[in-house]
Amino acid sequence: MRDGTRLATDVYLPDGDGPWPVILIRTPYHKAALAQLGTEGMQKDYAVVIQDCRGRFASEGDNLPFEHDATDGPDTLAWVLQQRWCNGRVGTWGASALAITQFQLVGHDGPQPRAQYLVVGEPNLYLGIYPGGVFKKAMIEDWLRISQFAENALRRWVAHPRYDTYWRARDTTLRWPRISAAAVHVGGWYDIFAPGTIRAFLGYQNQGGPGARGRQKLIMGPWAHAVAQNRVGQWVLPESARRPPSALLDPWAWFDELLKGQDRQLMPLPPVIYYVLGDVTEPNAPGLEWRTARQWPPPQSWLVPWYLHGDATFAPDRPADSRAEREYVYDP
């Protein structure tokens, strides 16, 4: 890295002379856990680069989450682009913390990835830790402890309860115009980062730079933090809820199109694919289906404020139009 710190990195290369398109994955969860993905990519004629983030496992440096990713990510990308086995086309991939490291990588001076596959992530780190300005105590403390970050990691974050210069340096939403990656944004209605997934899609799609603006896809499913499931809590949804009727949920298909130029089938699809929930206990209930839209919120939707009064929930200003004709975007 630019300060001399060395980050442990595994490189999976296909047979042959290359060069190849590259998939870059930066993880705080141990690069060895993704060895199968590296092998799979190699078999699909990708060079796959998987790196332990700073201070994690075999990498040098302070063991602090996302502390240096805004510089380590760009430095790693620049290194990849200098390698003889890289053909200049790089995509990034990962979910949750691995999506956050992708957000931290983009929008800086220097080279940018051509494509990204961002699953259940948050571009504004402050809002992931302090949603609405309130510290998400249980989730953050448990994650830091279970992931075995340094003891001072929690103190560093709680020392910045307000959105200050510390968080601005780690806020991708301030860098939309400098992002040039076409991306798929995958989220779930019950995911902890659902607002962040939508926020990132809108930022890239509407405010991104050349290569990003107008070239984004959003998939919002009926999922929690684990996507492609049909069970959420006590709800068991139809089997069709697992996956949308599209190849967009296949990262390899996305990279084949964006990095290899194969079969232009995904980019022409509607920008938004979303699952409409419904009553799983009522036969023939409305909803329980995948729909598409040209934008988010869907053009035929409006905000409906809902109010709690005793045990009742109601929306006094809800229009009387048929549900079949309108979509509701709830604002509790």
C-alpha atoms as a PDB file:
ATOM      1  CA  MET A   1       0.000   0.000   0.000  1.00  0.00           C
ATOM      2  CA  ARG A   2       1.035   3.650  -0.293  1.00  0.00           C
ATOM      3  CA  ASP A   3       2.295   3.630   3.313  1.00  0.00           C
ATOM      4  CA  GLY A   4       4.321   0.435   2.834  1.00  0.00           C
ATOM      5  CA  THR A   5       1.858  -1.917   4.556  1.00  0.00           C
ATOM      6  CA  ARG A   6       1.637  -5.288   2.814  1.00  0.00           C
ATOM      7  CA  LEU A   7      -1.730  -6.983   2.313  1.00  0.00           C
ATOM      8  CA  ALA A   8      -1.936 -10.745   1.817  1.00  0.00           C
ATOM      9  CA  THR A   9      -3.471 -11.515  -1.563  1.00  0.00           C
ATOM     10  CA  ASP A  10      -4.277 -14.743  -3.403  1.00  0.00           C
ATOM     11  CA  VAL A  11      -4.253 -14.674  -7.201  1.00  0.00           C
ATOM     12  CA  TYR A  12      -6.044 -17.373  -9.209  1.00  0.00           C
ATOM     13  CA  LEU A  13      -4.960 -17.519 -12.860  1.00  0.00           C
ATOM     14  CA  PRO A  14      -6.488 -19.617 -15.662  1.00  0.00           C
ATOM     15  CA  ASP A  15      -4.358 -21.898 -17.778  1.00  0.00           C
ATOM     16  CA  GLY A  16      -2.741 -20.161 -20.724  1.00  0.00           C
ATOM     17  CA  ASP A  17      -0.893 -16.936 -21.320  1.00  0.00           C
ATOM     18  CA  GLY A  18      -3.605 -14.371 -20.727  1.00  0.00           C
ATOM     19  CA  PRO A  19      -4.194 -11.566 -20.130  1.00  0.00           C
ATOM     20  CA  TRP A  20      -7.681 -11.962 -18.648  1.00  0.00           C
ATOM     21  CA  PRO A  21     -10.419  -9.826 -17.111  1.00  0.00           C
ATOM     22  CA  VAL A  22     -10.044  -9.684 -13.339  1.00  0.00           C
ATOM     23  CA  ILE A  23     -12.482 -10.100 -10.461  1.00  0.00           C
ATOM     24  CA  LEU A  24     -11.247  -8.310  -7.330  1.00  0.00           C
ATOM     25  CA  ILE A  25     -12.611  -9.229  -3.900  1.00  0.00           C
ATOM     26  CA  ARG A  26     -11.428  -7.593  -0.677  1.00  0.00           C
ATOM     27  CA  THR A  27     -12.608  -9.265   2.515  1.00  0.00           C
ATOM     28  CA  PRO A  28     -12.277  -8.916   6.305  1.00  0.00           C
ATOM     29  CA  TYR A  29     -13.438 -12.548   6.696  1.00  0.00           C
ATOM     30  CA  HIS A  30     -10.325 -14.460   5.485  1.00  0.00           C
ATOM     31  CA  LYS A  31      -9.452 -14.890   1.852  1.00  0.00           C
ATOM     32  CA  ALA A  32      -9.091 -18.666   2.251  1.00  0.00           C
ATOM     33  CA  ALA A  33     -12.853 -18.918   2.817  1.00  0.00           C
ATOM     34  CA  LEU A  34     -13.352 -17.814  -0.809  1.00  0.00           C
ATOM     35  CA  ALA A  35     -10.954 -20.280  -2.385  1.00  0.00           C
ATOM     36  CA  GLN A  36     -13.759 -22.149  -4.154  1.00  0.00           C
ATOM     37  CA  LEU A  37     -14.940 -18.911  -5.752  1.00  0.00           C
ATOM     38  CA  GLY A  38     -11.406 -18.201  -6.910  1.00  0.00           C
ATOM     39  CA  THR A  39     -11.159 -21.633  -8.492  1.00  0.00           C
ATOM     40  CA  GLU A  40     -14.556 -21.237 -10.158  1.00  0.00           C
ATOM     41  CA  GLY A  41     -13.569 -17.899 -11.646  1.00  0.00           C
ATOM     42  CA  MET A  42     -10.297 -19.326 -12.896  1.00  0.00           C
ATOM     43  CA  GLN A  43     -12.233 -22.090 -14.676  1.00  0.00           C
ATOM     44  CA  LYS A  44     -14.402 -19.400 -16.303  1.00  0.00           C
ATOM     45  CA  ASP A  45     -11.316 -17.657 -17.693  1.00  0.00           C
ATOM     46  CA  TYR A  46     -11.118 -14.883 -15.129  1.00  0.00           C
ATOM     47  CA  ALA A  47      -8.123 -13.943 -13.045  1.00  0.00           C
ATOM     48  CA  VAL A  48      -9.478 -13.715  -9.493  1.00  0.00           C
ATOM     49  CA  VAL A  49      -7.759 -11.614  -6.841  1.00  0.00           C
ATOM     50  CA  ILE A  50      -8.857 -12.163  -3.231  1.00  0.00           C
ATOM     51  CA  GLN A  51      -7.298 -10.032  -0.511  1.00  0.00           C
ATOM     52  CA  ASP A  52      -7.382  -9.945   3.275  1.00  0.00           C
ATOM     53  CA  CYS A  53      -8.180  -6.379   4.320  1.00  0.00           C
ATOM     54  CA  ARG A  54      -5.635  -4.483   6.375  1.00  0.00           C
ATOM     55  CA  GLY A  55      -4.947  -6.024   9.792  1.00  0.00           C
ATOM     56  CA  ARG A  56      -6.967  -9.148   9.001  1.00  0.00           C
ATOM     57  CA  PHE A  57      -5.468 -12.648   9.118  1.00  0.00           C
ATOM     58  CA  ALA A  58      -2.296 -12.646   6.969  1.00  0.00           C
ATOM     59  CA  SER A  59      -2.328  -8.913   6.177  1.00  0.00           C
ATOM     60  CA  GLU A  60      -0.241  -6.357   8.008  1.00  0.00           C
ATOM     61  CA  GLY A  61      -1.599  -3.232   9.687  1.00  0.00           C
ATOM     62  CA  ASP A  62      -4.163  -2.146  12.253  1.00  0.00           C
ATOM     63  CA  ASN A  63      -7.087  -4.515  12.740  1.00  0.00           C
ATOM     64  CA  LEU A  64      -9.772  -1.834  12.344  1.00  0.00           C
ATOM     65  CA  PRO A  65     -12.864  -2.306  10.135  1.00  0.00           C
ATOM     66  CA  PHE A  66     -13.032  -0.134   6.993  1.00  0.00           C
ATOM     67  CA  GLU A  67     -10.438   2.242   8.438  1.00  0.00           C
ATOM     68  CA  HIS A  68      -8.113   2.257   5.416  1.00  0.00           C
ATOM     69  CA  ASP A  69     -10.274   0.768   2.664  1.00  0.00           C
ATOM     70  CA  ALA A  70     -10.678   4.147   0.931  1.00  0.00           C
ATOM     71  CA  THR A  71      -6.929   4.069   0.186  1.00  0.00           C
ATOM     72  CA  ASP A  72      -6.147   0.335   0.263  1.00  0.00           C
ATOM     73  CA  GLY A  73      -8.855  -0.437  -2.288  1.00  0.00           C
ATOM     74  CA  PRO A  74      -7.617   2.044  -4.910  1.00  0.00           C
ATOM     75  CA  ASP A  75      -4.002   1.013  -4.262  1.00  0.00           C
ATOM     76  CA  THR A  76      -4.892  -2.646  -4.808  1.00  0.00           C
ATOM     77  CA  LEU A  77      -6.827  -1.859  -7.990  1.00  0.00           C
ATOM     78  CA  ALA A  78      -3.875   0.128  -9.353  1.00  0.00           C
ATOM     79  CA  TRP A  79      -1.576  -2.820  -8.567  1.00  0.00           C
ATOM     80  CA  VAL A  80      -3.903  -5.270 -10.341  1.00  0.00           C
ATOM     81  CA  LEU A  81      -4.009  -3.100 -13.458  1.00  0.00           C
ATOM     82  CA  GLN A  82      -0.207  -3.141 -13.637  1.00  0.00           C
ATOM     83  CA  GLN A  83       0.000  -6.942 -13.756  1.00  0.00           C
ATOM     84  CA  ARG A  84       0.751  -8.652 -17.071  1.00  0.00           C
ATOM     85  CA  TRP A  85      -2.152 -11.089 -16.530  1.00  0.00           C
ATOM     86  CA  CYS A  86      -4.730  -8.255 -16.329  1.00  0.00           C
ATOM     87  CA  ASN A  87      -6.290  -7.106 -19.612  1.00  0.00           C
ATOM     88  CA  GLY A  88      -7.409  -3.781 -18.109  1.00  0.00           C
ATOM     89  CA  ARG A  89     -10.990  -4.841 -17.341  1.00  0.00           C
ATOM     90  CA  VAL A  90     -11.641  -5.242 -13.626  1.00  0.00           C
ATOM     91  CA  GLY A  91     -14.844  -6.017 -11.759  1.00  0.00           C
ATOM     92  CA  THR A  92     -15.409  -6.104  -8.002  1.00  0.00           C
ATOM     93  CA  TRP A  93     -17.709  -8.484  -6.158  1.00  0.00           C
ATOM     94  CA  GLY A  94     -18.939  -9.211  -2.647  1.00  0.00           C
ATOM     95  CA  ALA A  95     -21.730  -9.077  -0.100  1.00  0.00           C
ATOM     96  CA  SER A  96     -22.232  -7.252   3.202  1.00  0.00           C
ATOM     97  CA  ALA A  97     -18.791  -6.126   4.466  1.00  0.00           C
ATOM     98  CA  LEU A  98     -17.382  -7.138   1.087  1.00  0.00           C
ATOM     99  CA  ALA A  99     -19.877  -4.799  -0.576  1.00  0.00           C
ATOM    100  CA  ILE A 100     -18.827  -2.011   1.794  1.00  0.00           C
ATOM    101  CA  THR A 101     -15.185  -2.463   0.777  1.00  0.00           C
ATOM    102  CA  GLN A 102     -16.340  -2.113  -2.851  1.00  0.00           C
ATOM    103  CA  PHE A 103     -18.079   1.162  -2.052  1.00  0.00           C
ATOM    104  CA  GLN A 104     -14.964   2.415  -0.285  1.00  0.00           C
ATOM    105  CA  LEU A 105     -12.874   1.641  -3.378  1.00  0.00           C
ATOM    106  CA  VAL A 106     -14.731   3.743  -5.958  1.00  0.00           C
ATOM    107  CA  GLY A 107     -14.961   7.459  -6.707  1.00  0.00           C
ATOM    108  CA  HIS A 108     -11.386   8.406  -5.845  1.00  0.00           C
ATOM    109  CA  ASP A 109      -8.731   9.827  -8.124  1.00  0.00           C
ATOM    110  CA  GLY A 110      -7.134   7.149 -10.251  1.00  0.00           C
ATOM    111  CA  PRO A 111      -8.433   4.042 -12.038  1.00  0.00           C
ATOM    112  CA  GLN A 112     -11.941   2.712 -11.468  1.00  0.00           C
ATOM    113  CA  PRO A 113     -13.451  -0.758 -11.857  1.00  0.00           C
ATOM    114  CA  ARG A 114     -15.537  -1.281 -14.975  1.00  0.00           C
ATOM    115  CA  ALA A 115     -18.234  -3.349 -13.224  1.00  0.00           C
ATOM    116  CA  GLN A 116     -19.406  -4.125  -9.695  1.00  0.00           C
ATOM    117  CA  TYR A 117     -21.706  -6.663  -8.078  1.00  0.00           C
ATOM    118  CA  LEU A 118     -22.877  -5.169  -4.781  1.00  0.00           C
ATOM    119  CA  VAL A 119     -24.949  -7.356  -2.462  1.00  0.00           C
ATOM    120  CA  VAL A 120     -26.559  -6.063   0.782  1.00  0.00           C
ATOM    121  CA  GLY A 121     -24.144  -3.199   1.373  1.00  0.00           C
ATOM    122  CA  GLU A 122     -24.173   0.426   2.543  1.00  0.00           C
ATOM    123  CA  PRO A 123     -22.391   3.272   0.700  1.00  0.00           C
ATOM    124  CA  ASN A 124     -22.636   5.708   3.633  1.00  0.00           C
ATOM    125  CA  LEU A 125     -20.826   3.983   6.488  1.00  0.00           C
ATOM    126  CA  TYR A 126     -22.225   6.404   9.064  1.00  0.00           C
ATOM    127  CA  LEU A 127     -25.819   5.497   8.187  1.00  0.00           C
ATOM    128  CA  GLY A 128     -24.952   1.814   8.452  1.00  0.00           C
ATOM    129  CA  ILE A 129     -23.695   2.297  11.999  1.00  0.00           C
ATOM    130  CA  TYR A 130     -25.856   5.265  13.095  1.00  0.00           C
ATOM    131  CA  PRO A 131     -29.130   4.908  11.133  1.00  0.00           C
ATOM    132  CA  GLY A 132     -31.135   8.040  11.811  1.00  0.00           C
ATOM    133  CA  GLY A 133     -28.282   9.193  14.027  1.00  0.00           C
ATOM    134  CA  VAL A 134     -28.865   6.391  16.568  1.00  0.00           C
ATOM    135  CA  PHE A 135     -26.039   3.941  17.275  1.00  0.00           C
ATOM    136  CA  LYS A 136     -27.043   0.413  16.242  1.00  0.00           C
ATOM    137  CA  LYS A 137     -25.608  -0.962  19.474  1.00  0.00           C
ATOM    138  CA  ALA A 138     -26.409  -4.682  19.468  1.00  0.00           C
ATOM    139  CA  MET A 139     -25.552  -5.336  15.834  1.00  0.00           C
ATOM    140  CA  ILE A 140     -22.328  -3.320  15.782  1.00  0.00           C
ATOM    141  CA  GLU A 141     -20.960  -4.520  19.108  1.00  0.00           C
ATOM    142  CA  ASP A 142     -21.755  -8.150  18.307  1.00  0.00           C
ATOM    143  CA  TRP A 143     -20.211  -7.906  14.840  1.00  0.00           C
ATOM    144  CA  LEU A 144     -16.998  -6.332  16.117  1.00  0.00           C
ATOM    145  CA  ARG A 145     -16.702  -8.946  18.869  1.00  0.00           C
ATOM    146  CA  ILE A 146     -17.539 -11.993  16.740  1.00  0.00           C
ATOM    147  CA  SER A 147     -15.259 -10.814  13.941  1.00  0.00           C
ATOM    148  CA  GLN A 148     -12.448 -10.252  16.478  1.00  0.00           C
ATOM    149  CA  PHE A 149     -11.501  -6.744  15.488  1.00  0.00           C
ATOM    150  CA  ALA A 150      -9.125  -4.757  17.696  1.00  0.00           C
ATOM    151  CA  GLU A 151     -10.459  -3.684  21.101  1.00  0.00           C
ATOM    152  CA  ASN A 152     -10.202  -0.004  20.180  1.00  0.00           C
ATOM    153  CA  ALA A 153     -12.415  -0.435  17.079  1.00  0.00           C
ATOM    154  CA  LEU A 154     -15.609   0.237  19.032  1.00  0.00           C
ATOM    155  CA  ARG A 155     -14.115   3.221  20.829  1.00  0.00           C
ATOM    156  CA  ARG A 156     -13.129   4.765  17.521  1.00  0.00           C
ATOM    157  CA  TRP A 157     -16.673   4.572  16.144  1.00  0.00           C
ATOM    158  CA  VAL A 158     -18.501   5.733  19.253  1.00  0.00           C
ATOM    159  CA  ALA A 159     -16.078   8.670  19.471  1.00  0.00           C
ATOM    160  CA  HIS A 160     -17.798   9.991  16.306  1.00  0.00           C
ATOM    161  CA  PRO A 161     -21.532   9.935  17.085  1.00  0.00           C
ATOM    162  CA  ARG A 162     -22.207  12.739  14.607  1.00  0.00           C
ATOM    163  CA  TYR A 163     -21.608  12.807  10.871  1.00  0.00           C
ATOM    164  CA  ASP A 164     -18.240  14.572  10.901  1.00  0.00           C
ATOM    165  CA  THR A 165     -15.050  14.659   8.813  1.00  0.00           C
ATOM    166  CA  TYR A 166     -14.224  11.101   9.908  1.00  0.00           C
ATOM    167  CA  TRP A 167     -17.390   9.744   8.274  1.00  0.00           C
ATOM    168  CA  ARG A 168     -17.239  12.062   5.261  1.00  0.00           C
ATOM    169  CA  ALA A 169     -13.885  10.536   4.340  1.00  0.00           C
ATOM    170  CA  ARG A 170     -15.672   7.148   4.198  1.00  0.00           C
ATOM    171  CA  ASP A 171     -18.902   8.266   2.514  1.00  0.00           C
ATOM    172  CA  THR A 172     -19.273   7.069  -1.071  1.00  0.00           C
ATOM    173  CA  THR A 173     -22.413   9.175  -1.559  1.00  0.00           C
ATOM    174  CA  LEU A 174     -20.155  12.251  -1.773  1.00  0.00           C
ATOM    175  CA  ARG A 175     -18.342  10.746  -4.765  1.00  0.00           C
ATOM    176  CA  TRP A 176     -21.176   9.714  -7.105  1.00  0.00           C
ATOM    177  CA  PRO A 177     -20.002  11.828 -10.107  1.00  0.00           C
ATOM    178  CA  ARG A 178     -16.567  10.163 -10.063  1.00  0.00           C
ATOM    179  CA  ILE A 179     -17.900   6.601 -10.192  1.00  0.00           C
ATOM    180  CA  SER A 180     -17.776   4.913 -13.595  1.00  0.00           C
ATOM    181  CA  ALA A 181     -18.817   1.319 -12.882  1.00  0.00           C
ATOM    182  CA  ALA A 182     -21.947  -0.357 -14.189  1.00  0.00           C
ATOM    183  CA  ALA A 183     -23.302  -2.262 -11.195  1.00  0.00           C
ATOM    184  CA  VAL A 184     -25.930  -4.660  -9.937  1.00  0.00           C
ATOM    185  CA  HIS A 185     -27.302  -3.705  -6.502  1.00  0.00           C
ATOM    186  CA  VAL A 186     -28.938  -6.608  -4.656  1.00  0.00           C
ATOM    187  CA  GLY A 187     -30.909  -6.068  -1.457  1.00  0.00           C
ATOM    188  CA  GLY A 188     -33.772  -7.430   0.611  1.00  0.00           C
ATOM    189  CA  TRP A 189     -36.772  -5.682   2.120  1.00  0.00           C
ATOM    190  CA  TYR A 190     -35.826  -7.042   5.562  1.00  0.00           C
ATOM    191  CA  ASP A 191     -32.073  -6.576   5.232  1.00  0.00           C
ATOM    192  CA  ILE A 192     -30.244  -4.285   7.641  1.00  0.00           C
ATOM    193  CA  PHE A 193     -28.877  -2.331   4.649  1.00  0.00           C
ATOM    194  CA  ALA A 194     -32.053  -2.168   2.531  1.00  0.00           C
ATOM    195  CA  PRO A 195     -32.074   1.677   2.471  1.00  0.00           C
ATOM    196  CA  GLY A 196     -28.378   1.668   1.580  1.00  0.00           C
ATOM    197  CA  THR A 197     -28.904  -0.667  -1.367  1.00  0.00           C
ATOM    198  CA  ILE A 198     -31.566   1.621  -2.804  1.00  0.00           C
ATOM    199  CA  ARG A 199     -29.485   4.713  -1.961  1.00  0.00           C
ATOM    200  CA  ALA A 200     -26.530   3.302  -3.875  1.00  0.00           C
ATOM    201  CA  PHE A 201     -28.620   2.365  -6.911  1.00  0.00           C
ATOM    202  CA  LEU A 202     -30.126   5.852  -7.111  1.00  0.00           C
ATOM    203  CA  GLY A 203     -26.757   7.541  -6.646  1.00  0.00           C
ATOM    204  CA  TYR A 204     -24.960   5.505  -9.298  1.00  0.00           C
ATOM    205  CA  GLN A 205     -27.940   5.580 -11.684  1.00  0.00           C
ATOM    206  CA  ASN A 206     -28.839   9.261 -11.496  1.00  0.00           C
ATOM    207  CA  GLN A 207     -25.651  11.022 -10.389  1.00  0.00           C
ATOM    208  CA  GLY A 208     -22.849   8.693 -11.427  1.00  0.00           C
ATOM    209  CA  GLY A 209     -20.179   9.558 -13.934  1.00  0.00           C
ATOM    210  CA  PRO A 210     -19.803   8.232 -17.496  1.00  0.00           C
ATOM    211  CA  GLY A 211     -20.076   4.456 -17.454  1.00  0.00           C
ATOM    212  CA  ALA A 212     -22.236   4.453 -14.335  1.00  0.00           C
ATOM    213  CA  ARG A 213     -25.139   6.816 -14.960  1.00  0.00           C
ATOM    214  CA  GLY A 214     -28.071   5.006 -16.524  1.00  0.00           C
ATOM    215  CA  ARG A 215     -26.263   1.641 -16.401  1.00  0.00           C
ATOM    216  CA  GLN A 216     -27.385   0.291 -13.030  1.00  0.00           C
ATOM    217  CA  LYS A 217     -29.632  -2.591 -12.000  1.00  0.00           C
ATOM    218  CA  LEU A 218     -31.533  -2.953  -8.730  1.00  0.00           C
ATOM    219  CA  ILE A 219     -32.883  -6.241  -7.379  1.00  0.00           C
ATOM    220  CA  MET A 220     -34.970  -5.988  -4.195  1.00  0.00           C
ATOM    221  CA  GLY A 221     -36.223  -9.337  -2.973  1.00  0.00           C
ATOM    222  CA  PRO A 222     -38.272 -10.514   0.024  1.00  0.00           C
ATOM    223  CA  TRP A 223     -35.084 -11.386   1.877  1.00  0.00           C
ATOM    224  CA  ALA A 224     -33.180 -10.504   5.009  1.00  0.00           C
ATOM    225  CA  HIS A 225     -29.355 -10.360   4.981  1.00  0.00           C
ATOM    226  CA  ALA A 226     -29.123 -13.717   3.189  1.00  0.00           C
ATOM    227  CA  VAL A 227     -30.502 -13.390  -0.327  1.00  0.00           C
ATOM    228  CA  ALA A 228     -32.181 -15.996  -2.546  1.00  0.00           C
ATOM    229  CA  GLN A 229     -34.245 -17.533   0.249  1.00  0.00           C
ATOM    230  CA  ASN A 230     -37.985 -17.967   0.562  1.00  0.00           C
ATOM    231  CA  ARG A 231     -38.164 -17.911   4.357  1.00  0.00           C
ATOM    232  CA  VAL A 232     -38.104 -14.687   6.353  1.00  0.00           C
ATOM    233  CA  GLY A 233     -38.675 -15.141  10.074  1.00  0.00           C
ATOM    234  CA  GLN A 234     -41.868 -17.192  10.362  1.00  0.00           C
ATOM    235  CA  TRP A 235     -42.963 -16.420   6.811  1.00  0.00           C
ATOM    236  CA  VAL A 236     -42.568 -19.058   4.134  1.00  0.00           C
ATOM    237  CA  LEU A 237     -42.985 -17.426   0.737  1.00  0.00           C
ATOM    238  CA  PRO A 238     -43.590 -19.160  -2.588  1.00  0.00           C
ATOM    239  CA  GLU A 239     -40.567 -20.915  -4.051  1.00  0.00           C
ATOM    240  CA  SER A 240     -40.539 -18.310  -6.831  1.00  0.00           C
ATOM    241  CA  ALA A 241     -39.574 -15.694  -4.215  1.00  0.00           C
ATOM    242  CA  ARG A 242     -36.048 -17.092  -4.091  1.00  0.00           C
ATOM    243  CA  ARG A 243     -34.936 -15.682  -7.413  1.00  0.00           C
ATOM    244  CA  PRO A 244     -36.298 -13.176  -9.931  1.00  0.00           C
ATOM    245  CA  PRO A 245     -37.056 -14.484 -13.414  1.00  0.00           C
ATOM    246  CA  SER A 246     -33.792 -13.045 -14.728  1.00  0.00           C
ATOM    247  CA  ALA A 247     -30.131 -13.983 -14.978  1.00  0.00           C
ATOM    248  CA  LEU A 248     -29.254 -10.756 -13.126  1.00  0.00           C
ATOM    249  CA  LEU A 249     -28.879 -12.675  -9.869  1.00  0.00           C
ATOM    250  CA  ASP A 250     -25.941 -14.532 -11.450  1.00  0.00           C
ATOM    251  CA  PRO A 251     -22.777 -12.431 -10.961  1.00  0.00           C
ATOM    252  CA  TRP A 252     -20.879 -14.400 -13.598  1.00  0.00           C
ATOM    253  CA  ALA A 253     -23.502 -13.528 -16.221  1.00  0.00           C
ATOM    254  CA  TRP A 254     -23.080  -9.842 -15.325  1.00  0.00           C
ATOM    255  CA  PHE A 255     -19.303  -9.974 -15.562  1.00  0.00           C
ATOM    256  CA  ASP A 256     -19.428 -11.988 -18.783  1.00  0.00           C
ATOM    257  CA  GLU A 257     -21.438  -9.183 -20.347  1.00  0.00           C
ATOM    258  CA  LEU A 258     -19.564  -6.225 -18.848  1.00  0.00           C
ATOM    259  CA  LEU A 259     -15.998  -7.536 -18.837  1.00  0.00           C
ATOM    260  CA  LYS A 260     -16.015  -9.997 -21.746  1.00  0.00           C
ATOM    261  CA  GLY A 261     -18.606  -8.361 -23.985  1.00  0.00           C
ATOM    262  CA  GLN A 262     -20.670 -11.535 -24.244  1.00  0.00           C
ATOM    263  CA  ASP A 263     -24.390 -11.701 -25.075  1.00  0.00           C
ATOM    264  CA  ARG A 264     -25.814  -8.265 -24.406  1.00  0.00           C
ATOM    265  CA  GLN A 265     -28.902  -9.579 -22.610  1.00  0.00           C
ATOM    266  CA  LEU A 266     -28.799  -8.047 -19.132  1.00  0.00           C
ATOM    267  CA  MET A 267     -28.189  -4.357 -19.801  1.00  0.00           C
ATOM    268  CA  PRO A 268     -31.388  -3.983 -21.888  1.00  0.00           C
ATOM    269  CA  LEU A 269     -33.482  -5.332 -18.977  1.00  0.00           C
ATOM    270  CA  PRO A 270     -35.560  -2.865 -16.900  1.00  0.00           C
ATOM    271  CA  PRO A 271     -33.367  -1.130 -14.307  1.00  0.00           C
ATOM    272  CA  VAL A 272     -35.478  -2.308 -11.350  1.00  0.00           C
ATOM    273  CA  ILE A 273     -36.666  -5.801 -10.439  1.00  0.00           C
ATOM    274  CA  TYR A 274     -38.542  -6.008  -7.146  1.00  0.00           C
ATOM    275  CA  TYR A 275     -40.700  -8.463  -5.245  1.00  0.00           C
ATOM    276  CA  VAL A 276     -44.148  -7.399  -4.062  1.00  0.00           C
ATOM    277  CA  LEU A 277     -45.105  -9.015  -0.766  1.00  0.00           C
ATOM    278  CA  GLY A 278     -48.567 -10.302   0.060  1.00  0.00           C
ATOM    279  CA  ASP A 279     -50.514 -12.403   2.513  1.00  0.00           C
ATOM    280  CA  VAL A 280     -48.884 -15.842   2.462  1.00  0.00           C
ATOM    281  CA  THR A 281     -51.848 -17.356   4.328  1.00  0.00           C
ATOM    282  CA  GLU A 282     -54.577 -16.194   1.942  1.00  0.00           C
ATOM    283  CA  PRO A 283     -55.176 -18.098  -1.305  1.00  0.00           C
ATOM    284  CA  ASN A 284     -55.040 -15.875  -4.385  1.00  0.00           C
ATOM    285  CA  ALA A 285     -53.842 -12.908  -2.322  1.00  0.00           C
ATOM    286  CA  PRO A 286     -52.527  -9.950  -4.334  1.00  0.00           C
ATOM    287  CA  GLY A 287     -48.795  -9.522  -4.573  1.00  0.00           C
ATOM    288  CA  LEU A 288     -46.347 -12.394  -4.033  1.00  0.00           C
ATOM    289  CA  GLU A 289     -44.765 -11.735  -7.403  1.00  0.00           C
ATOM    290  CA  TRP A 290     -41.780 -10.159  -9.120  1.00  0.00           C
ATOM    291  CA  ARG A 291     -42.303  -6.906 -11.000  1.00  0.00           C
ATOM    292  CA  THR A 292     -40.120  -4.544 -12.986  1.00  0.00           C
ATOM    293  CA  ALA A 293     -39.913  -0.768 -13.210  1.00  0.00           C
ATOM    294  CA  ARG A 294     -38.034   1.871 -15.180  1.00  0.00           C
ATOM    295  CA  GLN A 295     -37.044   3.696 -11.999  1.00  0.00           C
ATOM    296  CA  TRP A 296     -37.375   3.689  -8.227  1.00  0.00           C
ATOM    297  CA  PRO A 297     -39.899   4.340  -6.791  1.00  0.00           C
ATOM    298  CA  PRO A 298     -42.021   2.894  -9.606  1.00  0.00           C
ATOM    299  CA  PRO A 299     -43.622   5.686 -11.674  1.00  0.00           C
ATOM    300  CA  GLN A 300     -47.150   4.705 -10.614  1.00  0.00           C
ATOM    301  CA  SER A 301     -46.399   4.933  -6.886  1.00  0.00           C
ATOM    302  CA  TRP A 302     -46.752   7.556  -4.192  1.00  0.00           C
ATOM    303  CA  LEU A 303     -45.830   7.801  -0.525  1.00  0.00           C
ATOM    304  CA  VAL A 304     -48.494   6.766   1.971  1.00  0.00           C
ATOM    305  CA  PRO A 305     -47.902   7.852   5.586  1.00  0.00           C
ATOM    306  CA  TRP A 306     -49.168   5.226   8.043  1.00  0.00           C
ATOM    307  CA  TYR A 307     -50.119   5.995  11.626  1.00  0.00           C
ATOM    308  CA  LEU A 308     -50.355   3.857  14.731  1.00  0.00           C
ATOM    309  CA  HIS A 309     -53.305   4.418  17.058  1.00  0.00           C
ATOM    310  CA  GLY A 310     -53.655   1.875  19.822  1.00  0.00           C
ATOM    311  CA  ASP A 311     -53.709  -1.526  18.141  1.00  0.00           C
ATOM    312  CA  ALA A 312     -54.786  -0.118  14.784  1.00  0.00           C
ATOM    313  CA  THR A 313     -52.652   0.865  11.813  1.00  0.00           C
ATOM    314  CA  PHE A 314     -54.239   3.101   9.227  1.00  0.00           C
ATOM    315  CA  ALA A 315     -53.480   5.453   6.346  1.00  0.00           C
ATOM    316  CA  PRO A 316     -56.165   8.135   6.424  1.00  0.00           C
ATOM    317  CA  ASP A 317     -55.087   9.762   3.181  1.00  0.00           C
ATOM    318  CA  ARG A 318     -54.774   6.603   1.095  1.00  0.00           C
ATOM    319  CA  PRO A 319     -56.342   7.061  -2.343  1.00  0.00           C
ATOM    320  CA  ALA A 320     -59.232   4.784  -3.198  1.00  0.00           C
ATOM    321  CA  ASP A 321     -57.760   3.572  -6.509  1.00  0.00           C
ATOM    322  CA  SER A 322     -57.552  -0.143  -7.129  1.00  0.00           C
ATOM    323  CA  ARG A 323     -54.452  -1.889  -5.802  1.00  0.00           C
ATOM    324  CA  ALA A 324     -54.089  -3.476  -9.206  1.00  0.00           C
ATOM    325  CA  GLU A 325     -53.518  -0.036 -10.718  1.00  0.00           C
ATOM    326  CA  ARG A 326     -51.220   1.509  -8.127  1.00  0.00           C
ATOM    327  CA  GLU A 327     -48.132   0.731  -6.065  1.00  0.00           C
ATOM    328  CA  TYR A 328     -47.733   1.995  -2.518  1.00  0.00           C
ATOM    329  CA  VAL A 329     -44.405   3.071  -1.080  1.00  0.00           C
ATOM    330  CA  TYR A 330     -44.928   2.962   2.659  1.00  0.00           C
ATOM    331  CA  ASP A 331     -43.550   5.639   4.914  1.00  0.00           C
ATOM    332  CA  PRO A 332     -44.195   4.391   8.481  1.00  0.00           C
END
